[in-house]
Amino acid sequence: MPQPIRVLLVEDHQLVAEGIQALLDREADIKVIGVAGTVKDAVAMSAADSPDVVVMDYRLPDGTGAQAGETIRTLHPHPSLVFVSGDDSEDALLLSVQAGASVFLPKSRASTDVVTAVRKAADGEMMIPATQLADLLVRARERSHEEAERIRLRAEFTPREREVLLLMAEGLDNKTIGRELGLRVTTIRSYVQDILEKLDAHSKLEAVATAARHDLLIG
């Protein structure tokens, strides 16, 4: 007779944990070998008990399931990871996939899906559609590029240019900005021109819009 799929359950809400454990324990081919409520305990119990599948929530008291999964898979690459989470955001899904998730299920999904997910994960299958995964990775790269651009622009602006930019965003003209900063209008024009060039903008309005998109108007 085949050995049952050995499952470590990671869930900090006792009632939810008991419900999932009861669901899985009804299956003859699945055995819950332990329940952890924190990232720390999940990593320790995974190392000690060598489960086939780790079923875990994404939000835990001392971190995320993704952090637990990364550590578990780094130390012991054998367990497959199944996330059953109340946080079904794109960020949670992406971080879970990057941690090695085979399955990511919202808690709103039917309980039978959890059983199916455990079996598929144990067989090395994924329940995350390839098209969804591809779209997710593309958007992640786009966000990474935007963040890199934001960091680059913040580094390029001098404190004085930031002051001028913030006053531009308030709709002030060059003369008023000069008065606010105690500078000559010709000096302000020079700052404005430099700002337009750095933001690849053709007008003050476009510069302010670009700056807002890159969070350059915050503080």
C-alpha atoms as a PDB file:
ATOM      1  CA  MET A   1       0.000   0.000   0.000  1.00  0.00           C
ATOM      2  CA  PRO A   2       1.436   3.448  -0.930  1.00  0.00           C
ATOM      3  CA  GLN A   3       2.559   5.685   1.892  1.00  0.00           C
ATOM      4  CA  PRO A   4       0.192   8.614   2.564  1.00  0.00           C
ATOM      5  CA  ILE A   5       1.137  12.143   1.569  1.00  0.00           C
ATOM      6  CA  ARG A   6       2.706  13.681   4.669  1.00  0.00           C
ATOM      7  CA  VAL A   7       1.437  17.243   5.187  1.00  0.00           C
ATOM      8  CA  LEU A   8       2.671  20.007   7.469  1.00  0.00           C
ATOM      9  CA  LEU A   9      -0.094  22.557   8.060  1.00  0.00           C
ATOM     10  CA  VAL A  10       0.919  26.160   8.784  1.00  0.00           C
ATOM     11  CA  GLU A  11      -1.996  28.297  10.003  1.00  0.00           C
ATOM     12  CA  ASP A  12      -2.152  30.625  13.004  1.00  0.00           C
ATOM     13  CA  HIS A  13      -5.944  30.698  13.335  1.00  0.00           C
ATOM     14  CA  GLN A  14      -6.884  27.653  15.387  1.00  0.00           C
ATOM     15  CA  LEU A  15     -10.388  27.148  13.995  1.00  0.00           C
ATOM     16  CA  VAL A  16      -9.149  27.400  10.409  1.00  0.00           C
ATOM     17  CA  ALA A  17      -6.278  25.029  11.159  1.00  0.00           C
ATOM     18  CA  GLU A  18      -8.633  22.508  12.776  1.00  0.00           C
ATOM     19  CA  GLY A  19     -10.997  22.722   9.803  1.00  0.00           C
ATOM     20  CA  ILE A  20      -8.272  22.120   7.210  1.00  0.00           C
ATOM     21  CA  GLN A  21      -6.735  19.332   9.304  1.00  0.00           C
ATOM     22  CA  ALA A  22     -10.096  17.577   9.645  1.00  0.00           C
ATOM     23  CA  LEU A  23     -10.651  17.934   5.901  1.00  0.00           C
ATOM     24  CA  LEU A  24      -7.283  16.424   5.030  1.00  0.00           C
ATOM     25  CA  ASP A  25      -7.361  13.698   7.678  1.00  0.00           C
ATOM     26  CA  ARG A  26     -10.573  12.309   6.149  1.00  0.00           C
ATOM     27  CA  GLU A  27      -8.552  11.291   3.097  1.00  0.00           C
ATOM     28  CA  ALA A  28      -6.931   7.858   3.284  1.00  0.00           C
ATOM     29  CA  ASP A  29      -3.961   8.967   1.170  1.00  0.00           C
ATOM     30  CA  ILE A  30      -3.159  12.132   3.190  1.00  0.00           C
ATOM     31  CA  LYS A  31      -1.776  12.447   6.719  1.00  0.00           C
ATOM     32  CA  VAL A  32      -1.287  15.725   8.619  1.00  0.00           C
ATOM     33  CA  ILE A  33       1.928  15.209  10.579  1.00  0.00           C
ATOM     34  CA  GLY A  34       1.992  18.571  12.367  1.00  0.00           C
ATOM     35  CA  VAL A  35       0.507  22.041  12.707  1.00  0.00           C
ATOM     36  CA  ALA A  36       2.595  25.218  13.008  1.00  0.00           C
ATOM     37  CA  GLY A  37       1.383  28.746  13.659  1.00  0.00           C
ATOM     38  CA  THR A  38       4.451  30.828  12.833  1.00  0.00           C
ATOM     39  CA  VAL A  39       7.217  31.112  10.255  1.00  0.00           C
ATOM     40  CA  LYS A  40       9.759  30.037  12.870  1.00  0.00           C
ATOM     41  CA  ASP A  41       7.826  26.904  13.816  1.00  0.00           C
ATOM     42  CA  ALA A  42       7.090  26.071  10.174  1.00  0.00           C
ATOM     43  CA  VAL A  43      10.788  26.084   9.298  1.00  0.00           C
ATOM     44  CA  ALA A  44      11.751  24.051  12.384  1.00  0.00           C
ATOM     45  CA  MET A  45       9.004  21.458  11.947  1.00  0.00           C
ATOM     46  CA  SER A  46       9.697  21.088   8.241  1.00  0.00           C
ATOM     47  CA  ALA A  47      13.354  20.408   9.008  1.00  0.00           C
ATOM     48  CA  ALA A  48      12.485  17.880  11.722  1.00  0.00           C
ATOM     49  CA  ASP A  49       9.608  16.034  10.033  1.00  0.00           C
ATOM     50  CA  SER A  50      10.414  16.233   6.275  1.00  0.00           C
ATOM     51  CA  PRO A  51       6.832  16.638   4.989  1.00  0.00           C
ATOM     52  CA  ASP A  52       5.927  15.939   1.376  1.00  0.00           C
ATOM     53  CA  VAL A  53       3.695  19.017   1.187  1.00  0.00           C
ATOM     54  CA  VAL A  54       3.490  22.178   3.291  1.00  0.00           C
ATOM     55  CA  VAL A  55       0.027  23.770   3.296  1.00  0.00           C
ATOM     56  CA  MET A  56       0.252  27.279   4.672  1.00  0.00           C
ATOM     57  CA  ASP A  57      -1.469  30.599   5.082  1.00  0.00           C
ATOM     58  CA  TYR A  58       0.235  33.632   3.543  1.00  0.00           C
ATOM     59  CA  ARG A  59      -0.116  35.970   6.537  1.00  0.00           C
ATOM     60  CA  LEU A  60       1.548  34.707   9.708  1.00  0.00           C
ATOM     61  CA  PRO A  61       2.288  36.473  13.021  1.00  0.00           C
ATOM     62  CA  ASP A  62       6.049  36.699  12.460  1.00  0.00           C
ATOM     63  CA  GLY A  63       6.202  37.067   8.680  1.00  0.00           C
ATOM     64  CA  THR A  64       4.696  35.635   5.524  1.00  0.00           C
ATOM     65  CA  GLY A  65       4.241  32.171   4.162  1.00  0.00           C
ATOM     66  CA  ALA A  66       6.453  33.218   1.265  1.00  0.00           C
ATOM     67  CA  GLN A  67       9.303  33.910   3.684  1.00  0.00           C
ATOM     68  CA  ALA A  68       8.717  30.567   5.364  1.00  0.00           C
ATOM     69  CA  GLY A  69       8.582  28.835   2.005  1.00  0.00           C
ATOM     70  CA  GLU A  70      11.825  30.391   0.802  1.00  0.00           C
ATOM     71  CA  THR A  71      13.642  29.248   3.947  1.00  0.00           C
ATOM     72  CA  ILE A  72      12.112  25.787   3.869  1.00  0.00           C
ATOM     73  CA  ARG A  73      12.977  25.261   0.192  1.00  0.00           C
ATOM     74  CA  THR A  74      16.501  26.607   0.725  1.00  0.00           C
ATOM     75  CA  LEU A  75      17.209  24.225   3.597  1.00  0.00           C
ATOM     76  CA  HIS A  76      15.140  21.293   2.360  1.00  0.00           C
ATOM     77  CA  PRO A  77      14.084  21.496  -1.313  1.00  0.00           C
ATOM     78  CA  HIS A  78      11.877  18.398  -1.105  1.00  0.00           C
ATOM     79  CA  PRO A  79       8.513  19.751   0.210  1.00  0.00           C
ATOM     80  CA  SER A  80       5.982  21.129  -2.261  1.00  0.00           C
ATOM     81  CA  LEU A  81       4.270  24.344  -1.155  1.00  0.00           C
ATOM     82  CA  VAL A  82       0.524  24.942  -1.202  1.00  0.00           C
ATOM     83  CA  PHE A  83      -0.768  28.349  -0.128  1.00  0.00           C
ATOM     84  CA  VAL A  84      -4.336  28.706   1.126  1.00  0.00           C
ATOM     85  CA  SER A  85      -4.662  32.393   1.828  1.00  0.00           C
ATOM     86  CA  GLY A  86      -7.117  35.119   2.652  1.00  0.00           C
ATOM     87  CA  ASP A  87      -4.744  37.521   0.901  1.00  0.00           C
ATOM     88  CA  ASP A  88      -5.293  36.896  -2.805  1.00  0.00           C
ATOM     89  CA  SER A  89      -3.472  40.030  -3.975  1.00  0.00           C
ATOM     90  CA  GLU A  90      -1.142  39.965  -6.947  1.00  0.00           C
ATOM     91  CA  ASP A  91       1.844  40.706  -4.693  1.00  0.00           C
ATOM     92  CA  ALA A  92       1.030  37.778  -2.420  1.00  0.00           C
ATOM     93  CA  LEU A  93       0.698  35.453  -5.418  1.00  0.00           C
ATOM     94  CA  LEU A  94       3.944  36.671  -6.980  1.00  0.00           C
ATOM     95  CA  LEU A  95       5.968  36.317  -3.772  1.00  0.00           C
ATOM     96  CA  SER A  96       4.501  32.870  -3.177  1.00  0.00           C
ATOM     97  CA  VAL A  97       5.428  31.743  -6.685  1.00  0.00           C
ATOM     98  CA  GLN A  98       8.930  33.138  -6.252  1.00  0.00           C
ATOM     99  CA  ALA A  99       9.172  31.141  -3.011  1.00  0.00           C
ATOM    100  CA  GLY A 100       8.398  27.960  -4.941  1.00  0.00           C
ATOM    101  CA  ALA A 101       4.619  27.597  -4.607  1.00  0.00           C
ATOM    102  CA  SER A 102       2.978  24.837  -6.607  1.00  0.00           C
ATOM    103  CA  VAL A 103      -0.508  26.049  -5.714  1.00  0.00           C
ATOM    104  CA  PHE A 104      -2.023  29.320  -4.503  1.00  0.00           C
ATOM    105  CA  LEU A 105      -5.663  29.092  -3.401  1.00  0.00           C
ATOM    106  CA  PRO A 106      -7.827  31.884  -1.977  1.00  0.00           C
ATOM    107  CA  LYS A 107      -9.598  30.764   1.192  1.00  0.00           C
ATOM    108  CA  SER A 108     -12.873  31.437  -0.609  1.00  0.00           C
ATOM    109  CA  ARG A 109     -12.274  28.388  -2.825  1.00  0.00           C
ATOM    110  CA  ALA A 110     -14.136  25.154  -2.111  1.00  0.00           C
ATOM    111  CA  SER A 111     -12.624  22.894   0.538  1.00  0.00           C
ATOM    112  CA  THR A 112     -12.347  20.071  -1.988  1.00  0.00           C
ATOM    113  CA  ASP A 113      -9.841  22.218  -3.906  1.00  0.00           C
ATOM    114  CA  VAL A 114      -7.434  21.961  -0.960  1.00  0.00           C
ATOM    115  CA  VAL A 115      -7.460  18.166  -1.154  1.00  0.00           C
ATOM    116  CA  THR A 116      -6.924  18.268  -4.919  1.00  0.00           C
ATOM    117  CA  ALA A 117      -4.128  20.818  -4.471  1.00  0.00           C
ATOM    118  CA  VAL A 118      -2.282  18.622  -1.968  1.00  0.00           C
ATOM    119  CA  ARG A 119      -2.415  15.639  -4.298  1.00  0.00           C
ATOM    120  CA  LYS A 120      -1.277  17.618  -7.331  1.00  0.00           C
ATOM    121  CA  ALA A 121       1.542  19.284  -5.381  1.00  0.00           C
ATOM    122  CA  ALA A 122       2.720  15.912  -4.096  1.00  0.00           C
ATOM    123  CA  ASP A 123       2.845  14.703  -7.728  1.00  0.00           C
ATOM    124  CA  GLY A 124       4.953  17.710  -8.713  1.00  0.00           C
ATOM    125  CA  GLU A 125       2.146  19.473 -10.578  1.00  0.00           C
ATOM    126  CA  MET A 126       1.168  23.156 -10.488  1.00  0.00           C
ATOM    127  CA  MET A 127      -2.325  24.624 -10.246  1.00  0.00           C
ATOM    128  CA  ILE A 128      -1.266  28.114 -11.278  1.00  0.00           C
ATOM    129  CA  PRO A 129      -2.183  28.554 -14.973  1.00  0.00           C
ATOM    130  CA  ALA A 130       0.837  29.231 -17.187  1.00  0.00           C
ATOM    131  CA  THR A 131      -0.816  32.262 -18.805  1.00  0.00           C
ATOM    132  CA  GLN A 132      -1.562  33.814 -15.409  1.00  0.00           C
ATOM    133  CA  LEU A 133       1.977  33.122 -14.272  1.00  0.00           C
ATOM    134  CA  ALA A 134       3.455  34.680 -17.428  1.00  0.00           C
ATOM    135  CA  ASP A 135       1.311  37.821 -17.067  1.00  0.00           C
ATOM    136  CA  LEU A 136       2.265  38.064 -13.416  1.00  0.00           C
ATOM    137  CA  LEU A 137       5.991  37.906 -14.168  1.00  0.00           C
ATOM    138  CA  VAL A 138       5.674  40.519 -16.925  1.00  0.00           C
ATOM    139  CA  ARG A 139       3.940  42.929 -14.555  1.00  0.00           C
ATOM    140  CA  ALA A 140       6.558  42.220 -11.898  1.00  0.00           C
ATOM    141  CA  ARG A 141       9.325  43.157 -14.345  1.00  0.00           C
ATOM    142  CA  GLU A 142       7.449  46.335 -15.245  1.00  0.00           C
ATOM    143  CA  ARG A 143       7.142  47.293 -11.577  1.00  0.00           C
ATOM    144  CA  SER A 144      10.829  46.552 -11.070  1.00  0.00           C
ATOM    145  CA  HIS A 145      11.714  48.814 -14.001  1.00  0.00           C
ATOM    146  CA  GLU A 146       9.486  51.594 -12.656  1.00  0.00           C
ATOM    147  CA  GLU A 147      11.098  51.338  -9.231  1.00  0.00           C
ATOM    148  CA  ALA A 148      14.575  51.490 -10.764  1.00  0.00           C
ATOM    149  CA  GLU A 149      13.570  54.590 -12.724  1.00  0.00           C
ATOM    150  CA  ARG A 150      12.134  56.188  -9.576  1.00  0.00           C
ATOM    151  CA  ILE A 151      15.385  55.569  -7.686  1.00  0.00           C
ATOM    152  CA  ARG A 152      17.445  56.932 -10.578  1.00  0.00           C
ATOM    153  CA  LEU A 153      15.409  60.127 -10.816  1.00  0.00           C
ATOM    154  CA  ARG A 154      15.469  60.733  -7.077  1.00  0.00           C
ATOM    155  CA  ALA A 155      19.256  60.444  -7.140  1.00  0.00           C
ATOM    156  CA  GLU A 156      19.563  62.904 -10.045  1.00  0.00           C
ATOM    157  CA  PHE A 157      17.571  65.730  -8.471  1.00  0.00           C
ATOM    158  CA  THR A 158      19.385  68.195  -6.245  1.00  0.00           C
ATOM    159  CA  PRO A 159      17.620  69.435  -3.092  1.00  0.00           C
ATOM    160  CA  ARG A 160      17.061  72.823  -4.750  1.00  0.00           C
ATOM    161  CA  GLU A 161      15.574  71.229  -7.859  1.00  0.00           C
ATOM    162  CA  ARG A 162      13.215  69.249  -5.634  1.00  0.00           C
ATOM    163  CA  GLU A 163      12.121  72.493  -3.966  1.00  0.00           C
ATOM    164  CA  VAL A 164      11.441  74.108  -7.341  1.00  0.00           C
ATOM    165  CA  LEU A 165       9.598  70.997  -8.554  1.00  0.00           C
ATOM    166  CA  LEU A 166       7.350  70.928  -5.489  1.00  0.00           C
ATOM    167  CA  LEU A 167       6.464  74.607  -5.985  1.00  0.00           C
ATOM    168  CA  MET A 168       5.801  73.955  -9.674  1.00  0.00           C
ATOM    169  CA  ALA A 169       3.367  71.265  -8.587  1.00  0.00           C
ATOM    170  CA  GLU A 170       1.507  73.897  -6.561  1.00  0.00           C
ATOM    171  CA  GLY A 171       0.946  75.817  -9.787  1.00  0.00           C
ATOM    172  CA  LEU A 172       3.268  78.715  -8.967  1.00  0.00           C
ATOM    173  CA  ASP A 173       4.878  80.698 -11.779  1.00  0.00           C
ATOM    174  CA  ASN A 174       8.616  81.339 -11.993  1.00  0.00           C
ATOM    175  CA  LYS A 175       8.388  84.789 -10.447  1.00  0.00           C
ATOM    176  CA  THR A 176       6.476  83.496  -7.423  1.00  0.00           C
ATOM    177  CA  ILE A 177       8.793  80.502  -7.024  1.00  0.00           C
ATOM    178  CA  GLY A 178      11.752  82.891  -7.072  1.00  0.00           C
ATOM    179  CA  ARG A 179      10.174  85.005  -4.374  1.00  0.00           C
ATOM    180  CA  GLU A 180       9.426  81.920  -2.255  1.00  0.00           C
ATOM    181  CA  LEU A 181      13.036  80.723  -2.489  1.00  0.00           C
ATOM    182  CA  GLY A 182      14.744  84.104  -2.501  1.00  0.00           C
ATOM    183  CA  LEU A 183      16.188  83.542  -5.984  1.00  0.00           C
ATOM    184  CA  ARG A 184      16.210  85.534  -9.218  1.00  0.00           C
ATOM    185  CA  VAL A 185      13.723  84.632 -11.950  1.00  0.00           C
ATOM    186  CA  THR A 186      16.552  83.793 -14.364  1.00  0.00           C
ATOM    187  CA  THR A 187      17.901  81.289 -11.840  1.00  0.00           C
ATOM    188  CA  ILE A 188      14.462  79.693 -11.487  1.00  0.00           C
ATOM    189  CA  ARG A 189      14.161  79.444 -15.288  1.00  0.00           C
ATOM    190  CA  SER A 190      17.454  77.570 -15.336  1.00  0.00           C
ATOM    191  CA  TYR A 191      16.254  75.164 -12.641  1.00  0.00           C
ATOM    192  CA  VAL A 192      12.978  74.616 -14.487  1.00  0.00           C
ATOM    193  CA  GLN A 193      14.831  73.834 -17.716  1.00  0.00           C
ATOM    194  CA  ASP A 194      17.032  71.309 -15.923  1.00  0.00           C
ATOM    195  CA  ILE A 195      13.949  69.701 -14.375  1.00  0.00           C
ATOM    196  CA  LEU A 196      12.235  69.403 -17.760  1.00  0.00           C
ATOM    197  CA  GLU A 197      15.308  67.769 -19.254  1.00  0.00           C
ATOM    198  CA  LYS A 198      15.682  65.261 -16.416  1.00  0.00           C
ATOM    199  CA  LEU A 199      12.026  64.279 -16.672  1.00  0.00           C
ATOM    200  CA  ASP A 200      12.093  64.280 -20.494  1.00  0.00           C
ATOM    201  CA  ALA A 201       9.158  66.703 -20.401  1.00  0.00           C
ATOM    202  CA  HIS A 202       8.170  69.519 -22.772  1.00  0.00           C
ATOM    203  CA  SER A 203       6.166  71.600 -20.319  1.00  0.00           C
ATOM    204  CA  LYS A 204       5.808  72.228 -16.610  1.00  0.00           C
ATOM    205  CA  LEU A 205       2.496  70.364 -16.617  1.00  0.00           C
ATOM    206  CA  GLU A 206       4.065  67.298 -18.213  1.00  0.00           C
ATOM    207  CA  ALA A 207       6.992  67.489 -15.791  1.00  0.00           C
ATOM    208  CA  VAL A 208       4.679  67.594 -12.779  1.00  0.00           C
ATOM    209  CA  ALA A 209       2.623  64.670 -14.134  1.00  0.00           C
ATOM    210  CA  THR A 210       5.777  62.600 -14.708  1.00  0.00           C
ATOM    211  CA  ALA A 211       7.126  63.516 -11.267  1.00  0.00           C
ATOM    212  CA  ALA A 212       3.830  62.475  -9.651  1.00  0.00           C
ATOM    213  CA  ARG A 213       3.918  59.135 -11.482  1.00  0.00           C
ATOM    214  CA  HIS A 214       7.384  58.450 -10.041  1.00  0.00           C
ATOM    215  CA  ASP A 215       6.458  59.636  -6.504  1.00  0.00           C
ATOM    216  CA  LEU A 216       8.884  62.556  -6.703  1.00  0.00           C
ATOM    217  CA  LEU A 217       6.383  64.974  -5.163  1.00  0.00           C
ATOM    218  CA  ILE A 218       6.356  63.233  -1.798  1.00  0.00           C
ATOM    219  CA  GLY A 219       8.247  65.170   0.819  1.00  0.00           C
END
